[in-house]
Amino acid sequence: MTCIACGTEVPRSNAREYDRFGDRWGKRDRDFEHLCKSCYRECCHQPRQGLEADLVRADAGDADRAAFLANYYDVVTDDAPRERE
């Protein structure tokens, strides 16, 4: 398996399944990417419900990095946009 985070080749027994939708248990008719154990331990294991909507609201993929991070912070803290200069 190839770790999607660091690119290391690892045996299947040393890899962990990664599902971008956060549903590791619904395996029927699905393909999974994999992480090495080291990268897997560094992942945030919080629920992802609503993440896609938050990313859209923060202009992910459209705003530059600084603007996206500021927007995302606003979205996940209190939904109130900050004044921008």
PDB file of N, CA and C in Angstrom:
ATOM      1  N   MET A   1       0.853  -1.164   0.000  1.00  0.00           N
ATOM      2  CA  MET A   1       0.000   0.000   0.000  1.00  0.00           C
ATOM      3  C   MET A   1       0.903   1.232   0.000  1.00  0.00           C
ATOM      4  N   THR A   2       0.406   2.303  -0.587  1.00  0.00           N
ATOM      5  CA  THR A   2       1.132   3.570  -0.590  1.00  0.00           C
ATOM      6  C   THR A   2       0.412   4.552   0.315  1.00  0.00           C
ATOM      7  N   CYS A   3       1.125   5.113   1.273  1.00  0.00           N
ATOM      8  CA  CYS A   3       0.548   6.102   2.186  1.00  0.00           C
ATOM      9  C   CYS A   3       0.235   7.373   1.399  1.00  0.00           C
ATOM     10  N   ILE A   4      -1.013   7.841   1.487  1.00  0.00           N
ATOM     11  CA  ILE A   4      -1.406   9.036   0.739  1.00  0.00           C
ATOM     12  C   ILE A   4      -0.826  10.309   1.337  1.00  0.00           C
ATOM     13  N   ALA A   5      -0.328  10.243   2.573  1.00  0.00           N
ATOM     14  CA  ALA A   5       0.228  11.433   3.216  1.00  0.00           C
ATOM     15  C   ALA A   5       1.713  11.599   2.944  1.00  0.00           C
ATOM     16  N   CYS A   6       2.476  10.518   3.074  1.00  0.00           N
ATOM     17  CA  CYS A   6       3.939  10.651   2.943  1.00  0.00           C
ATOM     18  C   CYS A   6       4.516   9.893   1.758  1.00  0.00           C
ATOM     19  N   GLY A   7       3.708   9.052   1.114  1.00  0.00           N
ATOM     20  CA  GLY A   7       4.171   8.322  -0.055  1.00  0.00           C
ATOM     21  C   GLY A   7       4.958   7.056   0.235  1.00  0.00           C
ATOM     22  N   THR A   8       5.100   6.703   1.497  1.00  0.00           N
ATOM     23  CA  THR A   8       5.829   5.500   1.879  1.00  0.00           C
ATOM     24  C   THR A   8       5.062   4.251   1.459  1.00  0.00           C
ATOM     25  N   GLU A   9       5.800   3.282   0.915  1.00  0.00           N
ATOM     26  CA  GLU A   9       5.207   1.981   0.588  1.00  0.00           C
ATOM     27  C   GLU A   9       5.267   1.119   1.847  1.00  0.00           C
ATOM     28  N   VAL A  10       4.121   0.589   2.269  1.00  0.00           N
ATOM     29  CA  VAL A  10       4.070  -0.257   3.458  1.00  0.00           C
ATOM     30  C   VAL A  10       3.236  -1.503   3.165  1.00  0.00           C
ATOM     31  N   PRO A  11       3.524  -2.601   3.855  1.00  0.00           N
ATOM     32  CA  PRO A  11       2.682  -3.790   3.692  1.00  0.00           C
ATOM     33  C   PRO A  11       1.269  -3.495   4.181  1.00  0.00           C
ATOM     34  N   ARG A  12       0.302  -4.185   3.640  1.00  0.00           N
ATOM     35  CA  ARG A  12      -1.101  -3.967   4.036  1.00  0.00           C
ATOM     36  C   ARG A  12      -1.273  -4.081   5.544  1.00  0.00           C
ATOM     37  N   SER A  13      -0.541  -4.999   6.173  1.00  0.00           N
ATOM     38  CA  SER A  13      -0.655  -5.188   7.623  1.00  0.00           C
ATOM     39  C   SER A  13      -0.186  -3.965   8.413  1.00  0.00           C
ATOM     40  N   ASN A  14       0.599  -3.086   7.796  1.00  0.00           N
ATOM     41  CA  ASN A  14       1.083  -1.868   8.459  1.00  0.00           C
ATOM     42  C   ASN A  14       0.370  -0.613   7.966  1.00  0.00           C
ATOM     43  N   ALA A  15      -0.693  -0.784   7.219  1.00  0.00           N
ATOM     44  CA  ALA A  15      -1.439   0.365   6.686  1.00  0.00           C
ATOM     45  C   ALA A  15      -2.797   0.473   7.378  1.00  0.00           C
ATOM     46  N   ARG A  16      -3.330   1.664   7.364  1.00  0.00           N
ATOM     47  CA  ARG A  16      -4.650   1.914   7.931  1.00  0.00           C
ATOM     48  C   ARG A  16      -5.525   2.517   6.847  1.00  0.00           C
ATOM     49  N   GLU A  17      -6.768   2.058   6.774  1.00  0.00           N
ATOM     50  CA  GLU A  17      -7.692   2.586   5.776  1.00  0.00           C
ATOM     51  C   GLU A  17      -8.038   4.029   6.102  1.00  0.00           C
ATOM     52  N   TYR A  18      -8.147   4.827   5.058  1.00  0.00           N
ATOM     53  CA  TYR A  18      -8.553   6.215   5.208  1.00  0.00           C
ATOM     54  C   TYR A  18      -9.738   6.453   4.283  1.00  0.00           C
ATOM     55  N   ASP A  19     -10.778   7.042   4.829  1.00  0.00           N
ATOM     56  CA  ASP A  19     -11.948   7.390   4.037  1.00  0.00           C
ATOM     57  C   ASP A  19     -12.216   8.871   4.217  1.00  0.00           C
ATOM     58  N   ARG A  20     -12.167   9.625   3.153  1.00  0.00           N
ATOM     59  CA  ARG A  20     -12.327  11.072   3.255  1.00  0.00           C
ATOM     60  C   ARG A  20     -13.704  11.477   3.768  1.00  0.00           C
ATOM     61  N   PHE A  21     -14.661  10.577   3.738  1.00  0.00           N
ATOM     62  CA  PHE A  21     -15.992  10.882   4.251  1.00  0.00           C
ATOM     63  C   PHE A  21     -16.145  10.497   5.712  1.00  0.00           C
ATOM     64  N   GLY A  22     -15.109   9.906   6.287  1.00  0.00           N
ATOM     65  CA  GLY A  22     -15.134   9.573   7.708  1.00  0.00           C
ATOM     66  C   GLY A  22     -15.946   8.342   8.046  1.00  0.00           C
ATOM     67  N   ASP A  23     -16.239   7.502   7.068  1.00  0.00           N
ATOM     68  CA  ASP A  23     -17.060   6.319   7.301  1.00  0.00           C
ATOM     69  C   ASP A  23     -16.248   5.066   6.990  1.00  0.00           C
ATOM     70  N   ARG A  24     -15.388   4.667   7.912  1.00  0.00           N
ATOM     71  CA  ARG A  24     -14.553   3.494   7.699  1.00  0.00           C
ATOM     72  C   ARG A  24     -15.353   2.208   7.761  1.00  0.00           C
ATOM     73  N   TRP A  25     -16.563   2.252   8.284  1.00  0.00           N
ATOM     74  CA  TRP A  25     -17.306   1.019   8.544  1.00  0.00           C
ATOM     75  C   TRP A  25     -18.204   0.625   7.387  1.00  0.00           C
ATOM     76  N   GLY A  26     -18.634   1.576   6.569  1.00  0.00           N
ATOM     77  CA  GLY A  26     -19.475   1.262   5.420  1.00  0.00           C
ATOM     78  C   GLY A  26     -18.621   0.875   4.233  1.00  0.00           C
ATOM     79  N   LYS A  27     -18.171  -0.362   4.158  1.00  0.00           N
ATOM     80  CA  LYS A  27     -17.176  -0.773   3.168  1.00  0.00           C
ATOM     81  C   LYS A  27     -17.769  -1.320   1.877  1.00  0.00           C
ATOM     82  N   ARG A  28     -19.025  -1.541   1.814  1.00  0.00           N
ATOM     83  CA  ARG A  28     -19.622  -2.172   0.646  1.00  0.00           C
ATOM     84  C   ARG A  28     -19.466  -1.299  -0.599  1.00  0.00           C
ATOM     85  N   ASP A  29     -18.924  -1.887  -1.675  1.00  0.00           N
ATOM     86  CA  ASP A  29     -18.759  -1.206  -2.962  1.00  0.00           C
ATOM     87  C   ASP A  29     -17.931   0.069  -2.868  1.00  0.00           C
ATOM     88  N   ARG A  30     -16.910   0.071  -2.012  1.00  0.00           N
ATOM     89  CA  ARG A  30     -16.096   1.269  -1.855  1.00  0.00           C
ATOM     90  C   ARG A  30     -14.616   0.925  -1.908  1.00  0.00           C
ATOM     91  N   ASP A  31     -13.833   1.865  -2.387  1.00  0.00           N
ATOM     92  CA  ASP A  31     -12.384   1.741  -2.366  1.00  0.00           C
ATOM     93  C   ASP A  31     -11.845   2.722  -1.337  1.00  0.00           C
ATOM     94  N   PHE A  32     -10.808   2.314  -0.644  1.00  0.00           N
ATOM     95  CA  PHE A  32     -10.215   3.166   0.379  1.00  0.00           C
ATOM     96  C   PHE A  32      -8.775   3.494   0.025  1.00  0.00           C
ATOM     97  N   GLU A  33      -8.352   4.657   0.445  1.00  0.00           N
ATOM     98  CA  GLU A  33      -6.952   5.015   0.365  1.00  0.00           C
ATOM     99  C   GLU A  33      -6.328   4.545   1.677  1.00  0.00           C
ATOM    100  N   HIS A  34      -5.015   4.614   1.780  1.00  0.00           N
ATOM    101  CA  HIS A  34      -4.355   4.097   2.969  1.00  0.00           C
ATOM    102  C   HIS A  34      -3.308   5.057   3.506  1.00  0.00           C
ATOM    103  N   LEU A  35      -3.099   4.975   4.816  1.00  0.00           N
ATOM    104  CA  LEU A  35      -2.073   5.732   5.518  1.00  0.00           C
ATOM    105  C   LEU A  35      -1.152   4.752   6.228  1.00  0.00           C
ATOM    106  N   CYS A  36       0.125   5.117   6.322  1.00  0.00           N
ATOM    107  CA  CYS A  36       1.009   4.309   7.161  1.00  0.00           C
ATOM    108  C   CYS A  36       0.619   4.571   8.617  1.00  0.00           C
ATOM    109  N   LYS A  37       1.046   3.708   9.525  1.00  0.00           N
ATOM    110  CA  LYS A  37       0.646   3.848  10.928  1.00  0.00           C
ATOM    111  C   LYS A  37       1.083   5.185  11.516  1.00  0.00           C
ATOM    112  N   SER A  38       2.268   5.639  11.135  1.00  0.00           N
ATOM    113  CA  SER A  38       2.787   6.902  11.667  1.00  0.00           C
ATOM    114  C   SER A  38       1.888   8.082  11.261  1.00  0.00           C
ATOM    115  N   CYS A  39       1.546   8.166   9.992  1.00  0.00           N
ATOM    116  CA  CYS A  39       0.687   9.254   9.525  1.00  0.00           C
ATOM    117  C   CYS A  39      -0.725   9.127  10.084  1.00  0.00           C
ATOM    118  N   TYR A  40      -1.201   7.885  10.213  1.00  0.00           N
ATOM    119  CA  TYR A  40      -2.539   7.659  10.757  1.00  0.00           C
ATOM    120  C   TYR A  40      -2.635   8.194  12.177  1.00  0.00           C
ATOM    121  N   ARG A  41      -1.590   7.983  12.981  1.00  0.00           N
ATOM    122  CA  ARG A  41      -1.603   8.464  14.367  1.00  0.00           C
ATOM    123  C   ARG A  41      -1.672   9.988  14.428  1.00  0.00           C
ATOM    124  N   GLU A  42      -1.142  10.659  13.405  1.00  0.00           N
ATOM    125  CA  GLU A  42      -1.141  12.119  13.394  1.00  0.00           C
ATOM    126  C   GLU A  42      -2.468  12.716  12.918  1.00  0.00           C
ATOM    127  N   CYS A  43      -3.352  11.889  12.392  1.00  0.00           N
ATOM    128  CA  CYS A  43      -4.642  12.372  11.881  1.00  0.00           C
ATOM    129  C   CYS A  43      -5.571  12.776  13.011  1.00  0.00           C
ATOM    130  N   CYS A  44      -6.411  13.718  12.708  1.00  0.00           N
ATOM    131  CA  CYS A  44      -7.481  14.087  13.620  1.00  0.00           C
ATOM    132  C   CYS A  44      -8.597  13.052  13.452  1.00  0.00           C
ATOM    133  N   HIS A  45      -9.052  12.485  14.526  1.00  0.00           N
ATOM    134  CA  HIS A  45     -10.079  11.451  14.456  1.00  0.00           C
ATOM    135  C   HIS A  45     -11.431  11.979  14.945  1.00  0.00           C
ATOM    136  N   GLN A  46     -11.694  13.234  14.659  1.00  0.00           N
ATOM    137  CA  GLN A  46     -12.963  13.840  15.034  1.00  0.00           C
ATOM    138  C   GLN A  46     -14.009  13.569  13.961  1.00  0.00           C
ATOM    139  N   PRO A  47     -15.279  13.598  14.316  1.00  0.00           N
ATOM    140  CA  PRO A  47     -16.332  13.408  13.317  1.00  0.00           C
ATOM    141  C   PRO A  47     -16.228  14.454  12.213  1.00  0.00           C
ATOM    142  N   ARG A  48     -16.601  14.075  11.010  1.00  0.00           N
ATOM    143  CA  ARG A  48     -16.494  14.977   9.869  1.00  0.00           C
ATOM    144  C   ARG A  48     -17.841  15.466   9.376  1.00  0.00           C
ATOM    145  N   GLN A  49     -18.886  15.157  10.111  1.00  0.00           N
ATOM    146  CA  GLN A  49     -20.208  15.588   9.684  1.00  0.00           C
ATOM    147  C   GLN A  49     -20.235  17.109   9.565  1.00  0.00           C
ATOM    148  N   GLY A  50     -20.648  17.603   8.418  1.00  0.00           N
ATOM    149  CA  GLY A  50     -20.728  19.032   8.180  1.00  0.00           C
ATOM    150  C   GLY A  50     -19.449  19.659   7.657  1.00  0.00           C
ATOM    151  N   LEU A  51     -18.358  18.894   7.587  1.00  0.00           N
ATOM    152  CA  LEU A  51     -17.087  19.450   7.143  1.00  0.00           C
ATOM    153  C   LEU A  51     -17.166  19.986   5.720  1.00  0.00           C
ATOM    154  N   GLU A  52     -17.773  19.227   4.820  1.00  0.00           N
ATOM    155  CA  GLU A  52     -17.858  19.665   3.420  1.00  0.00           C
ATOM    156  C   GLU A  52     -18.577  21.007   3.316  1.00  0.00           C
ATOM    157  N   ALA A  53     -19.671  21.162   4.021  1.00  0.00           N
ATOM    158  CA  ALA A  53     -20.414  22.425   4.003  1.00  0.00           C
ATOM    159  C   ALA A  53     -19.562  23.563   4.568  1.00  0.00           C
ATOM    160  N   ASP A  54     -18.824  23.289   5.641  1.00  0.00           N
ATOM    161  CA  ASP A  54     -17.950  24.312   6.220  1.00  0.00           C
ATOM    162  C   ASP A  54     -16.866  24.726   5.235  1.00  0.00           C
ATOM    163  N   LEU A  55     -16.289  23.766   4.524  1.00  0.00           N
ATOM    164  CA  LEU A  55     -15.255  24.087   3.540  1.00  0.00           C
ATOM    165  C   LEU A  55     -15.820  24.941   2.406  1.00  0.00           C
ATOM    166  N   VAL A  56     -17.007  24.627   1.958  1.00  0.00           N
ATOM    167  CA  VAL A  56     -17.649  25.426   0.906  1.00  0.00           C
ATOM    168  C   VAL A  56     -17.899  26.840   1.409  1.00  0.00           C
ATOM    169  N   ARG A  57     -18.407  26.962   2.623  1.00  0.00           N
ATOM    170  CA  ARG A  57     -18.681  28.295   3.197  1.00  0.00           C
ATOM    171  C   ARG A  57     -17.401  29.103   3.383  1.00  0.00           C
ATOM    172  N   ALA A  58     -16.286  28.430   3.554  1.00  0.00           N
ATOM    173  CA  ALA A  58     -15.003  29.117   3.741  1.00  0.00           C
ATOM    174  C   ALA A  58     -14.288  29.383   2.425  1.00  0.00           C
ATOM    175  N   ASP A  59     -14.945  29.100   1.296  1.00  0.00           N
ATOM    176  CA  ASP A  59     -14.387  29.316  -0.045  1.00  0.00           C
ATOM    177  C   ASP A  59     -13.177  28.434  -0.348  1.00  0.00           C
ATOM    178  N   ALA A  60     -13.172  27.203   0.165  1.00  0.00           N
ATOM    179  CA  ALA A  60     -12.077  26.277  -0.126  1.00  0.00           C
ATOM    180  C   ALA A  60     -11.959  26.086  -1.632  1.00  0.00           C
ATOM    181  N   GLY A  61     -10.738  26.170  -2.130  1.00  0.00           N
ATOM    182  CA  GLY A  61     -10.490  25.998  -3.547  1.00  0.00           C
ATOM    183  C   GLY A  61     -10.648  27.266  -4.360  1.00  0.00           C
ATOM    184  N   ASP A  62     -11.270  28.284  -3.785  1.00  0.00           N
ATOM    185  CA  ASP A  62     -11.458  29.552  -4.494  1.00  0.00           C
ATOM    186  C   ASP A  62     -10.649  30.688  -3.875  1.00  0.00           C
ATOM    187  N   ALA A  63     -10.537  30.696  -2.558  1.00  0.00           N
ATOM    188  CA  ALA A  63      -9.794  31.752  -1.871  1.00  0.00           C
ATOM    189  C   ALA A  63      -8.323  31.367  -1.766  1.00  0.00           C
ATOM    190  N   ASP A  64      -7.446  32.379  -1.662  1.00  0.00           N
ATOM    191  CA  ASP A  64      -6.044  32.054  -1.428  1.00  0.00           C
ATOM    192  C   ASP A  64      -5.898  31.499  -0.009  1.00  0.00           C
ATOM    193  N   ARG A  65      -4.729  30.974   0.307  1.00  0.00           N
ATOM    194  CA  ARG A  65      -4.522  30.280   1.585  1.00  0.00           C
ATOM    195  C   ARG A  65      -4.871  31.143   2.791  1.00  0.00           C
ATOM    196  N   ALA A  66      -4.382  32.366   2.825  1.00  0.00           N
ATOM    197  CA  ALA A  66      -4.629  33.239   3.977  1.00  0.00           C
ATOM    198  C   ALA A  66      -6.117  33.542   4.132  1.00  0.00           C
ATOM    199  N   ALA A  67      -6.775  33.844   3.021  1.00  0.00           N
ATOM    200  CA  ALA A  67      -8.208  34.141   3.079  1.00  0.00           C
ATOM    201  C   ALA A  67      -9.002  32.902   3.495  1.00  0.00           C
ATOM    202  N   PHE A  68      -8.646  31.743   2.927  1.00  0.00           N
ATOM    203  CA  PHE A  68      -9.350  30.514   3.302  1.00  0.00           C
ATOM    204  C   PHE A  68      -9.217  30.242   4.788  1.00  0.00           C
ATOM    205  N   LEU A  69      -7.991  30.338   5.322  1.00  0.00           N
ATOM    206  CA  LEU A  69      -7.799  30.053   6.749  1.00  0.00           C
ATOM    207  C   LEU A  69      -8.586  31.017   7.623  1.00  0.00           C
ATOM    208  N   ALA A  70      -8.615  32.288   7.262  1.00  0.00           N
ATOM    209  CA  ALA A  70      -9.408  33.262   8.023  1.00  0.00           C
ATOM    210  C   ALA A  70     -10.896  32.937   7.919  1.00  0.00           C
ATOM    211  N   ASN A  71     -11.343  32.608   6.703  1.00  0.00           N
ATOM    212  CA  ASN A  71     -12.752  32.258   6.504  1.00  0.00           C
ATOM    213  C   ASN A  71     -13.124  31.008   7.292  1.00  0.00           C
ATOM    214  N   TYR A  72     -12.265  30.000   7.226  1.00  0.00           N
ATOM    215  CA  TYR A  72     -12.553  28.746   7.922  1.00  0.00           C
ATOM    216  C   TYR A  72     -12.617  28.973   9.430  1.00  0.00           C
ATOM    217  N   TYR A  73     -11.700  29.755   9.936  1.00  0.00           N
ATOM    218  CA  TYR A  73     -11.726  30.085  11.365  1.00  0.00           C
ATOM    219  C   TYR A  73     -13.061  30.712  11.739  1.00  0.00           C
ATOM    220  N   ASP A  74     -13.518  31.652  10.916  1.00  0.00           N
ATOM    221  CA  ASP A  74     -14.813  32.288  11.179  1.00  0.00           C
ATOM    222  C   ASP A  74     -15.943  31.262  11.185  1.00  0.00           C
ATOM    223  N   VAL A  75     -15.927  30.389  10.211  1.00  0.00           N
ATOM    224  CA  VAL A  75     -16.990  29.396  10.072  1.00  0.00           C
ATOM    225  C   VAL A  75     -17.046  28.466  11.279  1.00  0.00           C
ATOM    226  N   VAL A  76     -15.907  27.997  11.741  1.00  0.00           N
ATOM    227  CA  VAL A  76     -15.924  27.008  12.817  1.00  0.00           C
ATOM    228  C   VAL A  76     -15.953  27.606  14.212  1.00  0.00           C
ATOM    229  N   THR A  77     -15.734  28.903  14.350  1.00  0.00           N
ATOM    230  CA  THR A  77     -15.773  29.491  15.678  1.00  0.00           C
ATOM    231  C   THR A  77     -17.138  30.048  16.033  1.00  0.00           C
ATOM    232  N   ASP A  78     -17.654  30.950  15.212  1.00  0.00           N
ATOM    233  CA  ASP A  78     -18.955  31.507  15.597  1.00  0.00           C
ATOM    234  C   ASP A  78     -19.819  31.930  14.422  1.00  0.00           C
ATOM    235  N   ASP A  79     -19.404  31.586  13.233  1.00  0.00           N
ATOM    236  CA  ASP A  79     -20.170  31.898  12.010  1.00  0.00           C
ATOM    237  C   ASP A  79     -20.335  33.395  11.736  1.00  0.00           C
ATOM    238  N   ALA A  80     -19.693  34.232  12.518  1.00  0.00           N
ATOM    239  CA  ALA A  80     -19.792  35.665  12.269  1.00  0.00           C
ATOM    240  C   ALA A  80     -18.552  36.130  11.533  1.00  0.00           C
ATOM    241  N   PRO A  81     -18.705  36.690  10.318  1.00  0.00           N
ATOM    242  CA  PRO A  81     -17.517  37.133   9.600  1.00  0.00           C
ATOM    243  C   PRO A  81     -16.797  38.251  10.327  1.00  0.00           C
ATOM    244  N   ARG A  82     -15.475  38.201  10.300  1.00  0.00           N
ATOM    245  CA  ARG A  82     -14.672  39.253  10.905  1.00  0.00           C
ATOM    246  C   ARG A  82     -14.516  40.373   9.902  1.00  0.00           C
ATOM    247  N   GLU A  83     -14.245  41.553  10.412  1.00  0.00           N
ATOM    248  CA  GLU A  83     -13.954  42.693   9.541  1.00  0.00           C
ATOM    249  C   GLU A  83     -12.608  42.461   8.898  1.00  0.00           C
ATOM    250  N   ARG A  84     -12.525  42.684   7.622  1.00  0.00           N
ATOM    251  CA  ARG A  84     -11.273  42.510   6.885  1.00  0.00           C
ATOM    252  C   ARG A  84     -10.809  43.882   6.386  1.00  0.00           C
ATOM    253  N   GLU A  85      -9.507  44.064   6.407  1.00  0.00           N
ATOM    254  CA  GLU A  85      -8.970  45.337   5.912  1.00  0.00           C
ATOM    255  C   GLU A  85      -8.729  45.263   4.431  1.00  0.00           C
TER     256      GLU A  85
END
